[in-house]
Amino acid sequence: MFVTEEQIAAALSADCNDWSVISYLITTDNATAEEVIRAALTAALTSIWRPIEEAPRDGTPVDLWSPEHGGRLTNYRFRKITKDNTFFEPVNGGYTCVREPTHFMPLPAPPAAVGGG
């Protein structure tokens, strides 16, 4: 998502005093250290508001923060009609198009399947 290869490399090369959590996850989930670190960084980055200038412009759904519209708006994507006509629109229909949100947050991952299905 927003995790870069540089962030992964830095985390893997960090002088960590306690790798026990990563060791546990590697052992119990058969994950590599890179997979565990990537998941942890992705979870951390998807739980913070980021400046709207960093929002994806490729149609990826995000949540928006728009004081003009009362705060948080969920599941919006960027839309460009012309060079001067851009906005965020609701993915599945809904409230309104938003032209000047201040922040965005990536959508969280969907919940894991419960009970095998």
N, C-alpha and C. Protein backbone atom coordinates (compact mmCIF):
# COMPACT_ATOMS: atom_id res chain seq x y z
N MET A 1 0.84 -1.19 0.00
CA MET A 1 0.00 0.00 0.00
C MET A 1 0.88 1.24 0.00
N PHE A 2 1.23 1.77 1.18
CA PHE A 2 2.08 2.95 1.25
C PHE A 2 3.44 2.62 1.84
N VAL A 3 3.73 1.35 2.04
CA VAL A 3 5.01 0.95 2.60
C VAL A 3 6.02 0.84 1.47
N THR A 4 7.15 1.51 1.64
CA THR A 4 8.17 1.50 0.61
C THR A 4 9.22 0.43 0.89
N GLU A 5 9.94 0.06 -0.15
CA GLU A 5 11.02 -0.91 0.03
C GLU A 5 12.09 -0.35 0.96
N GLU A 6 12.29 0.98 0.93
CA GLU A 6 13.26 1.60 1.81
C GLU A 6 12.86 1.44 3.28
N GLN A 7 11.56 1.57 3.57
CA GLN A 7 11.09 1.38 4.95
C GLN A 7 11.32 -0.06 5.41
N ILE A 8 11.05 -1.01 4.53
CA ILE A 8 11.26 -2.42 4.87
C ILE A 8 12.74 -2.68 5.14
N ALA A 9 13.59 -2.19 4.25
CA ALA A 9 15.03 -2.40 4.41
C ALA A 9 15.53 -1.78 5.72
N ALA A 10 15.06 -0.58 6.03
CA ALA A 10 15.48 0.08 7.28
C ALA A 10 15.02 -0.72 8.49
N ALA A 11 13.79 -1.22 8.45
CA ALA A 11 13.28 -1.99 9.58
C ALA A 11 14.05 -3.30 9.73
N LEU A 12 14.37 -3.94 8.62
CA LEU A 12 15.10 -5.21 8.68
C LEU A 12 16.53 -5.02 9.19
N SER A 13 17.11 -3.87 8.90
CA SER A 13 18.49 -3.64 9.31
C SER A 13 18.60 -2.93 10.66
N ALA A 14 17.47 -2.60 11.27
CA ALA A 14 17.48 -1.89 12.56
C ALA A 14 18.09 -2.76 13.64
N ASP A 15 18.78 -2.11 14.56
CA ASP A 15 19.35 -2.80 15.70
C ASP A 15 18.27 -2.88 16.77
N CYS A 16 17.50 -3.94 16.73
CA CYS A 16 16.35 -4.09 17.62
C CYS A 16 16.76 -4.89 18.86
N ASN A 17 16.40 -4.39 20.02
CA ASN A 17 16.72 -5.08 21.27
C ASN A 17 15.83 -6.29 21.52
N ASP A 18 14.67 -6.32 20.92
CA ASP A 18 13.74 -7.41 21.20
C ASP A 18 13.04 -7.86 19.92
N TRP A 19 13.56 -8.88 19.29
CA TRP A 19 12.96 -9.44 18.09
C TRP A 19 12.01 -10.57 18.45
N SER A 20 11.64 -10.73 19.73
CA SER A 20 10.85 -11.88 20.15
C SER A 20 9.47 -11.89 19.50
N VAL A 21 8.85 -10.74 19.31
CA VAL A 21 7.53 -10.70 18.68
C VAL A 21 7.63 -11.16 17.23
N ILE A 22 8.62 -10.64 16.52
CA ILE A 22 8.80 -11.05 15.13
C ILE A 22 9.14 -12.53 15.06
N SER A 23 10.02 -12.99 15.95
CA SER A 23 10.38 -14.42 15.98
C SER A 23 9.14 -15.27 16.22
N TYR A 24 8.29 -14.84 17.13
CA TYR A 24 7.06 -15.58 17.43
C TYR A 24 6.16 -15.65 16.19
N LEU A 25 5.97 -14.52 15.53
CA LEU A 25 5.10 -14.50 14.35
C LEU A 25 5.69 -15.33 13.22
N ILE A 26 6.99 -15.29 13.05
CA ILE A 26 7.62 -16.09 12.01
C ILE A 26 7.39 -17.57 12.30
N THR A 27 7.53 -17.95 13.56
CA THR A 27 7.38 -19.35 13.95
C THR A 27 5.93 -19.81 13.83
N THR A 28 4.98 -19.02 14.31
CA THR A 28 3.59 -19.46 14.35
C THR A 28 2.85 -19.28 13.04
N ASP A 29 3.21 -18.27 12.25
CA ASP A 29 2.50 -18.01 11.00
C ASP A 29 3.29 -18.38 9.75
N ASN A 30 4.48 -18.93 9.94
CA ASN A 30 5.36 -19.24 8.81
C ASN A 30 5.59 -18.02 7.93
N ALA A 31 5.63 -16.86 8.54
CA ALA A 31 5.88 -15.62 7.81
C ALA A 31 7.37 -15.30 7.86
N THR A 32 7.82 -14.56 6.87
CA THR A 32 9.21 -14.09 6.90
C THR A 32 9.26 -12.80 7.71
N ALA A 33 10.45 -12.42 8.14
CA ALA A 33 10.60 -11.16 8.86
C ALA A 33 10.10 -10.01 8.00
N GLU A 34 10.39 -10.06 6.71
CA GLU A 34 9.93 -8.99 5.81
C GLU A 34 8.41 -8.92 5.78
N GLU A 35 7.73 -10.07 5.71
CA GLU A 35 6.26 -10.07 5.68
C GLU A 35 5.68 -9.50 6.97
N VAL A 36 6.27 -9.86 8.10
CA VAL A 36 5.78 -9.37 9.39
C VAL A 36 5.98 -7.86 9.48
N ILE A 37 7.16 -7.39 9.10
CA ILE A 37 7.45 -5.95 9.16
C ILE A 37 6.57 -5.20 8.19
N ARG A 38 6.39 -5.72 6.97
CA ARG A 38 5.52 -5.06 5.98
C ARG A 38 4.10 -4.93 6.52
N ALA A 39 3.59 -5.99 7.13
CA ALA A 39 2.23 -5.95 7.68
C ALA A 39 2.12 -4.94 8.81
N ALA A 40 3.14 -4.91 9.68
CA ALA A 40 3.10 -3.97 10.80
C ALA A 40 3.17 -2.52 10.31
N LEU A 41 4.05 -2.24 9.36
CA LEU A 41 4.15 -0.88 8.83
C LEU A 41 2.88 -0.48 8.09
N THR A 42 2.31 -1.39 7.33
CA THR A 42 1.07 -1.10 6.61
C THR A 42 -0.05 -0.79 7.59
N ALA A 43 -0.17 -1.59 8.65
CA ALA A 43 -1.20 -1.34 9.66
C ALA A 43 -1.01 0.02 10.31
N ALA A 44 0.23 0.37 10.61
CA ALA A 44 0.49 1.66 11.24
C ALA A 44 0.16 2.81 10.31
N LEU A 45 0.55 2.70 9.05
CA LEU A 45 0.32 3.79 8.10
C LEU A 45 -1.14 3.93 7.72
N THR A 46 -1.91 2.85 7.78
CA THR A 46 -3.32 2.95 7.41
C THR A 46 -4.19 3.46 8.54
N SER A 47 -3.58 3.69 9.71
CA SER A 47 -4.39 4.17 10.83
C SER A 47 -4.11 5.63 11.16
N ILE A 48 -3.49 6.36 10.25
CA ILE A 48 -3.21 7.77 10.51
C ILE A 48 -3.73 8.63 9.37
N TRP A 49 -4.14 9.85 9.69
CA TRP A 49 -4.56 10.81 8.68
C TRP A 49 -3.32 11.38 8.02
N ARG A 50 -3.38 11.50 6.70
CA ARG A 50 -2.26 12.02 5.93
C ARG A 50 -2.72 13.24 5.14
N PRO A 51 -1.80 14.14 4.76
CA PRO A 51 -2.18 15.32 3.98
C PRO A 51 -2.83 14.90 2.66
N ILE A 52 -3.84 15.63 2.25
CA ILE A 52 -4.59 15.28 1.04
C ILE A 52 -3.70 15.26 -0.20
N GLU A 53 -2.62 16.03 -0.18
CA GLU A 53 -1.70 16.06 -1.32
C GLU A 53 -1.06 14.69 -1.58
N GLU A 54 -1.03 13.83 -0.56
CA GLU A 54 -0.45 12.50 -0.70
C GLU A 54 -1.46 11.44 -1.10
N ALA A 55 -2.72 11.82 -1.25
CA ALA A 55 -3.78 10.85 -1.58
C ALA A 55 -3.56 10.25 -2.96
N PRO A 56 -3.91 8.98 -3.12
CA PRO A 56 -3.77 8.36 -4.44
C PRO A 56 -4.69 9.01 -5.46
N ARG A 57 -4.21 9.10 -6.67
CA ARG A 57 -4.99 9.71 -7.76
C ARG A 57 -5.34 8.67 -8.82
N ASP A 58 -5.30 7.38 -8.43
CA ASP A 58 -5.52 6.30 -9.39
C ASP A 58 -6.86 5.58 -9.20
N GLY A 59 -7.76 6.16 -8.42
CA GLY A 59 -9.05 5.53 -8.18
C GLY A 59 -9.10 4.66 -6.94
N THR A 60 -8.00 4.56 -6.22
CA THR A 60 -7.97 3.78 -4.98
C THR A 60 -8.89 4.42 -3.96
N PRO A 61 -9.83 3.66 -3.38
CA PRO A 61 -10.73 4.23 -2.37
C PRO A 61 -9.99 4.61 -1.09
N VAL A 62 -10.39 5.74 -0.50
CA VAL A 62 -9.84 6.23 0.75
C VAL A 62 -10.96 6.86 1.57
N ASP A 63 -10.67 7.12 2.84
CA ASP A 63 -11.56 7.94 3.66
C ASP A 63 -11.02 9.36 3.61
N LEU A 64 -11.91 10.33 3.68
CA LEU A 64 -11.53 11.74 3.61
C LEU A 64 -11.88 12.46 4.91
N TRP A 65 -11.15 13.55 5.18
CA TRP A 65 -11.51 14.47 6.25
C TRP A 65 -11.83 15.80 5.59
N SER A 66 -13.07 16.24 5.77
CA SER A 66 -13.52 17.49 5.17
C SER A 66 -14.32 18.29 6.19
N PRO A 67 -13.70 19.31 6.81
CA PRO A 67 -14.44 20.14 7.77
C PRO A 67 -15.69 20.74 7.13
N GLU A 68 -15.61 21.08 5.86
CA GLU A 68 -16.76 21.64 5.15
C GLU A 68 -17.96 20.70 5.14
N HIS A 69 -17.70 19.39 5.17
CA HIS A 69 -18.76 18.40 5.13
C HIS A 69 -18.96 17.69 6.47
N GLY A 70 -18.45 18.26 7.54
CA GLY A 70 -18.72 17.72 8.87
C GLY A 70 -17.73 16.69 9.37
N GLY A 71 -16.58 16.53 8.71
CA GLY A 71 -15.58 15.60 9.22
C GLY A 71 -15.31 14.44 8.29
N ARG A 72 -15.39 13.23 8.83
CA ARG A 72 -14.99 12.03 8.10
C ARG A 72 -16.04 11.59 7.08
N LEU A 73 -15.54 11.31 5.88
CA LEU A 73 -16.36 10.76 4.80
C LEU A 73 -15.69 9.47 4.36
N THR A 74 -16.44 8.40 4.25
CA THR A 74 -15.83 7.10 3.98
C THR A 74 -16.02 6.64 2.55
N ASN A 75 -14.98 5.96 2.05
CA ASN A 75 -15.01 5.27 0.77
C ASN A 75 -15.18 6.21 -0.43
N TYR A 76 -14.20 7.08 -0.61
CA TYR A 76 -14.18 8.02 -1.73
C TYR A 76 -12.99 7.74 -2.63
N ARG A 77 -13.09 8.14 -3.90
CA ARG A 77 -11.97 8.01 -4.83
C ARG A 77 -11.81 9.30 -5.63
N PHE A 78 -10.59 9.54 -6.10
CA PHE A 78 -10.28 10.74 -6.87
C PHE A 78 -10.87 10.62 -8.27
N ARG A 79 -11.36 11.73 -8.76
CA ARG A 79 -11.93 11.77 -10.11
C ARG A 79 -11.47 13.04 -10.81
N LYS A 80 -10.99 12.90 -12.04
CA LYS A 80 -10.55 14.06 -12.82
C LYS A 80 -11.36 14.10 -14.10
N ILE A 81 -12.15 15.16 -14.25
CA ILE A 81 -12.94 15.37 -15.46
C ILE A 81 -12.12 16.14 -16.49
N THR A 82 -11.58 17.26 -16.07
CA THR A 82 -10.66 18.06 -16.88
C THR A 82 -9.54 18.52 -15.96
N LYS A 83 -8.56 19.21 -16.50
CA LYS A 83 -7.43 19.69 -15.70
C LYS A 83 -7.89 20.49 -14.49
N ASP A 84 -8.91 21.32 -14.67
CA ASP A 84 -9.39 22.19 -13.59
C ASP A 84 -10.63 21.66 -12.87
N ASN A 85 -11.10 20.51 -13.26
CA ASN A 85 -12.31 19.95 -12.64
C ASN A 85 -11.97 18.60 -12.03
N THR A 86 -11.46 18.64 -10.80
CA THR A 86 -11.11 17.42 -10.07
C THR A 86 -11.81 17.42 -8.72
N PHE A 87 -12.11 16.23 -8.22
CA PHE A 87 -12.80 16.09 -6.94
C PHE A 87 -12.71 14.64 -6.48
N PHE A 88 -13.18 14.38 -5.27
CA PHE A 88 -13.33 13.02 -4.77
C PHE A 88 -14.81 12.69 -4.79
N GLU A 89 -15.13 11.49 -5.26
CA GLU A 89 -16.53 11.07 -5.35
C GLU A 89 -16.74 9.80 -4.53
N PRO A 90 -17.96 9.59 -4.04
CA PRO A 90 -18.23 8.37 -3.29
C PRO A 90 -18.13 7.15 -4.22
N VAL A 91 -17.50 6.09 -3.76
CA VAL A 91 -17.30 4.90 -4.58
C VAL A 91 -18.64 4.23 -4.90
N ASN A 92 -19.50 4.11 -3.92
CA ASN A 92 -20.77 3.39 -4.10
C ASN A 92 -21.98 4.31 -4.03
N GLY A 93 -21.85 5.51 -4.57
CA GLY A 93 -22.94 6.47 -4.42
C GLY A 93 -22.93 6.97 -2.99
N GLY A 94 -23.64 8.00 -2.74
CA GLY A 94 -23.65 8.47 -1.36
C GLY A 94 -23.70 9.97 -1.25
N TYR A 95 -23.08 10.46 -0.20
CA TYR A 95 -23.26 11.82 0.27
C TYR A 95 -23.05 12.89 -0.80
N THR A 96 -21.84 13.12 -1.23
CA THR A 96 -21.59 14.22 -2.14
C THR A 96 -20.18 14.13 -2.70
N CYS A 97 -19.91 14.89 -3.73
CA CYS A 97 -18.54 15.03 -4.23
C CYS A 97 -17.83 16.07 -3.37
N VAL A 98 -16.55 15.85 -3.14
CA VAL A 98 -15.77 16.70 -2.25
C VAL A 98 -14.60 17.29 -3.04
N ARG A 99 -14.54 18.62 -3.09
CA ARG A 99 -13.50 19.28 -3.86
C ARG A 99 -12.28 19.67 -3.02
N GLU A 100 -12.46 19.93 -1.73
CA GLU A 100 -11.34 20.42 -0.93
C GLU A 100 -11.23 19.73 0.43
N PRO A 101 -11.03 18.40 0.44
CA PRO A 101 -10.76 17.76 1.73
C PRO A 101 -9.37 18.16 2.21
N THR A 102 -9.13 18.05 3.50
CA THR A 102 -7.82 18.44 4.04
C THR A 102 -6.90 17.24 4.25
N HIS A 103 -7.47 16.05 4.51
CA HIS A 103 -6.68 14.87 4.82
C HIS A 103 -7.36 13.62 4.24
N PHE A 104 -6.60 12.54 4.18
CA PHE A 104 -7.16 11.25 3.78
C PHE A 104 -6.55 10.16 4.65
N MET A 105 -7.21 9.02 4.65
CA MET A 105 -6.72 7.85 5.36
C MET A 105 -6.98 6.64 4.46
N PRO A 106 -5.98 5.79 4.24
CA PRO A 106 -6.24 4.57 3.47
C PRO A 106 -7.31 3.72 4.15
N LEU A 107 -8.06 2.98 3.37
CA LEU A 107 -9.06 2.09 3.94
C LEU A 107 -8.37 0.94 4.68
N PRO A 108 -8.95 0.50 5.78
CA PRO A 108 -8.36 -0.66 6.47
C PRO A 108 -8.57 -1.93 5.65
N ALA A 109 -7.78 -2.94 5.95
CA ALA A 109 -7.97 -4.23 5.30
C ALA A 109 -9.31 -4.82 5.73
N PRO A 110 -9.95 -5.62 4.89
CA PRO A 110 -11.21 -6.25 5.30
C PRO A 110 -10.95 -7.24 6.44
N PRO A 111 -11.97 -7.55 7.20
CA PRO A 111 -11.78 -8.51 8.31
C PRO A 111 -11.42 -9.89 7.78
N ALA A 112 -10.68 -10.62 8.58
CA ALA A 112 -10.34 -11.99 8.22
C ALA A 112 -11.59 -12.86 8.30
N ALA A 113 -11.64 -13.87 7.48
CA ALA A 113 -12.78 -14.80 7.50
C ALA A 113 -12.85 -15.48 8.86
N VAL A 114 -14.06 -15.62 9.37
CA VAL A 114 -14.27 -16.25 10.67
C VAL A 114 -14.93 -17.60 10.45
N GLY A 115 -14.45 -18.60 11.12
CA GLY A 115 -15.06 -19.91 11.02
C GLY A 115 -14.85 -20.61 9.69
N GLY A 116 -13.75 -20.30 9.01
CA GLY A 116 -13.42 -21.01 7.78
C GLY A 116 -14.18 -20.55 6.57
N GLY A 117 -14.83 -19.40 6.62
CA GLY A 117 -15.47 -19.06 5.38
C GLY A 117 -16.16 -17.80 5.37
